[in-house]
Amino acid sequence: MIDIQIIDKPTSEKVVREIAKNQFGDMVKFVVDVKKEIIAIGGDLHADEEALLIEQGSSQEDLWGINYYIDKTGKDQVEFDSMINIRPSQGNRSRDVENSEIREKIIAIVKKLIRR
């Protein structure tokens, strides 16, 4: 069973490390809701986290998948790479997050909610 958590208030990076240890080692998949400023964490796939957020009232257009690398710093810590990001209807035609404003908002939300 997948144990996906919704992070909506500042959380210690220790929580993220525990999830990573049980999944991908040094990386955790996040889906960030840029409107609600929350993060889903703990799914095997970004699509699992996306589905939970949609069930809880998020709009798909506000959800973006990233990979968060615990032991990296700066711009290397967040990788904008997810199948859920492919959205031609929103002008995003790749797995990347092509809009720089959305990228900046995602990084700001991650910094706000994941405390080192």
Protein backbone atom coordinates (compact mmCIF):
# COMPACT_ATOMS: atom_id res chain seq x y z
CA MET A 1 0.00 0.00 0.00
CA ILE A 2 1.25 3.46 -0.90
CA ASP A 3 1.45 5.88 2.01
CA ILE A 4 1.18 9.33 0.46
CA GLN A 5 1.38 12.31 2.78
CA ILE A 6 0.16 15.83 2.16
CA ILE A 7 2.54 18.48 3.46
CA ASP A 8 0.74 21.74 4.14
CA LYS A 9 2.91 23.21 6.89
CA PRO A 10 6.68 23.40 7.38
CA THR A 11 8.10 19.90 7.85
CA SER A 12 11.54 18.67 8.78
CA GLU A 13 13.67 17.21 6.04
CA LYS A 14 14.01 14.19 8.37
CA VAL A 15 10.48 13.17 7.33
CA VAL A 16 11.52 13.35 3.68
CA ARG A 17 14.66 11.33 4.40
CA GLU A 18 12.60 8.55 6.00
CA ILE A 19 10.32 8.34 2.98
CA ALA A 20 13.33 8.37 0.63
CA LYS A 21 15.05 5.61 2.60
CA ASN A 22 12.02 3.37 2.03
CA GLN A 23 11.74 4.22 -1.66
CA PHE A 24 14.43 5.68 -3.92
CA GLY A 25 17.29 6.26 -1.46
CA ASP A 26 18.40 9.83 -2.09
CA MET A 27 15.34 11.06 -4.02
CA VAL A 28 11.65 11.56 -3.35
CA LYS A 29 8.89 12.27 -5.84
CA PHE A 30 6.81 15.35 -5.04
CA VAL A 31 3.68 16.74 -6.64
CA VAL A 32 3.33 20.43 -5.85
CA ASP A 33 -0.01 22.26 -5.97
CA VAL A 34 1.09 25.79 -6.88
CA LYS A 35 -2.31 27.28 -6.04
CA LYS A 36 -2.88 25.67 -2.63
CA GLU A 37 0.87 25.67 -1.86
CA ILE A 38 0.94 22.07 -0.68
CA ILE A 39 3.05 19.03 -1.57
CA ALA A 40 2.11 15.37 -1.92
CA ILE A 41 4.97 13.03 -1.08
CA GLY A 42 5.48 9.29 -0.81
CA GLY A 43 3.97 7.89 -3.99
CA ASP A 44 5.81 5.45 -6.19
CA LEU A 45 4.67 7.54 -9.15
CA HIS A 46 3.91 11.24 -9.51
CA ALA A 47 0.56 10.09 -10.92
CA ASP A 48 -0.33 8.47 -7.56
CA GLU A 49 0.29 11.73 -5.72
CA GLU A 50 -1.51 13.72 -8.41
CA ALA A 51 -4.58 11.46 -8.10
CA LEU A 52 -4.73 11.94 -4.32
CA LEU A 53 -4.49 15.72 -4.61
CA ILE A 54 -7.23 15.78 -7.25
CA GLU A 55 -9.42 13.61 -4.97
CA GLN A 56 -8.88 16.23 -2.27
CA GLY A 57 -9.97 19.12 -4.48
CA SER A 58 -6.84 20.24 -6.32
CA SER A 59 -7.07 21.14 -10.01
CA GLN A 60 -4.80 19.21 -12.36
CA GLU A 61 -3.65 22.45 -14.01
CA ASP A 62 -2.09 23.50 -10.67
CA LEU A 63 -0.17 20.25 -10.10
CA TRP A 64 3.44 19.76 -11.13
CA GLY A 65 5.72 16.77 -10.59
CA ILE A 66 9.30 17.12 -9.41
CA ASN A 67 12.05 14.94 -7.99
CA TYR A 68 13.62 16.20 -4.75
CA TYR A 69 17.22 15.12 -4.07
CA ILE A 70 17.92 15.21 -0.35
CA ASP A 71 21.71 15.33 -0.47
CA LYS A 72 22.00 17.95 -3.19
CA THR A 73 21.80 21.69 -2.73
CA GLY A 74 20.75 24.75 -4.68
CA LYS A 75 19.31 24.30 -8.14
CA ASP A 76 20.47 20.65 -8.23
CA GLN A 77 18.09 19.72 -5.41
CA VAL A 78 14.92 20.00 -7.51
CA GLU A 79 14.59 18.21 -10.83
CA PHE A 80 11.60 19.21 -12.96
CA ASP A 81 10.95 15.85 -14.61
CA SER A 82 7.61 14.07 -14.58
CA MET A 83 5.17 12.54 -17.02
CA ILE A 84 2.36 14.51 -15.35
CA ASN A 85 4.00 17.73 -16.56
CA ILE A 86 3.27 16.95 -20.21
CA ARG A 87 0.34 19.27 -20.89
CA PRO A 88 0.13 20.67 -24.40
CA SER A 89 -3.16 22.41 -23.47
CA GLN A 90 -1.18 24.53 -20.98
CA GLY A 91 1.73 25.06 -23.35
CA ASN A 92 3.95 22.53 -21.55
CA ARG A 93 5.00 19.94 -24.13
CA SER A 94 7.71 18.11 -22.18
CA ARG A 95 8.33 16.35 -18.88
CA ASP A 96 10.05 19.55 -17.73
CA VAL A 97 8.25 22.57 -16.26
CA GLU A 98 8.89 25.04 -19.06
CA ASN A 99 7.33 28.18 -17.50
CA SER A 100 9.98 29.94 -15.38
CA GLU A 101 7.37 31.60 -13.13
CA ILE A 102 5.86 28.22 -12.27
CA ARG A 103 9.35 26.79 -11.65
CA GLU A 104 10.14 29.65 -9.26
CA LYS A 105 6.83 29.18 -7.44
CA ILE A 106 7.49 25.44 -7.06
CA ILE A 107 10.95 26.11 -5.59
CA ALA A 108 9.53 28.72 -3.19
CA ILE A 109 6.86 26.27 -1.96
CA VAL A 110 9.43 23.51 -1.47
CA LYS A 111 11.73 25.87 0.48
CA LYS A 112 8.80 27.04 2.60
CA LEU A 113 7.54 23.55 3.46
CA ILE A 114 10.72 21.44 3.66
CA ARG A 115 13.05 22.68 6.39
CA ARG A 116 16.68 21.64 6.31
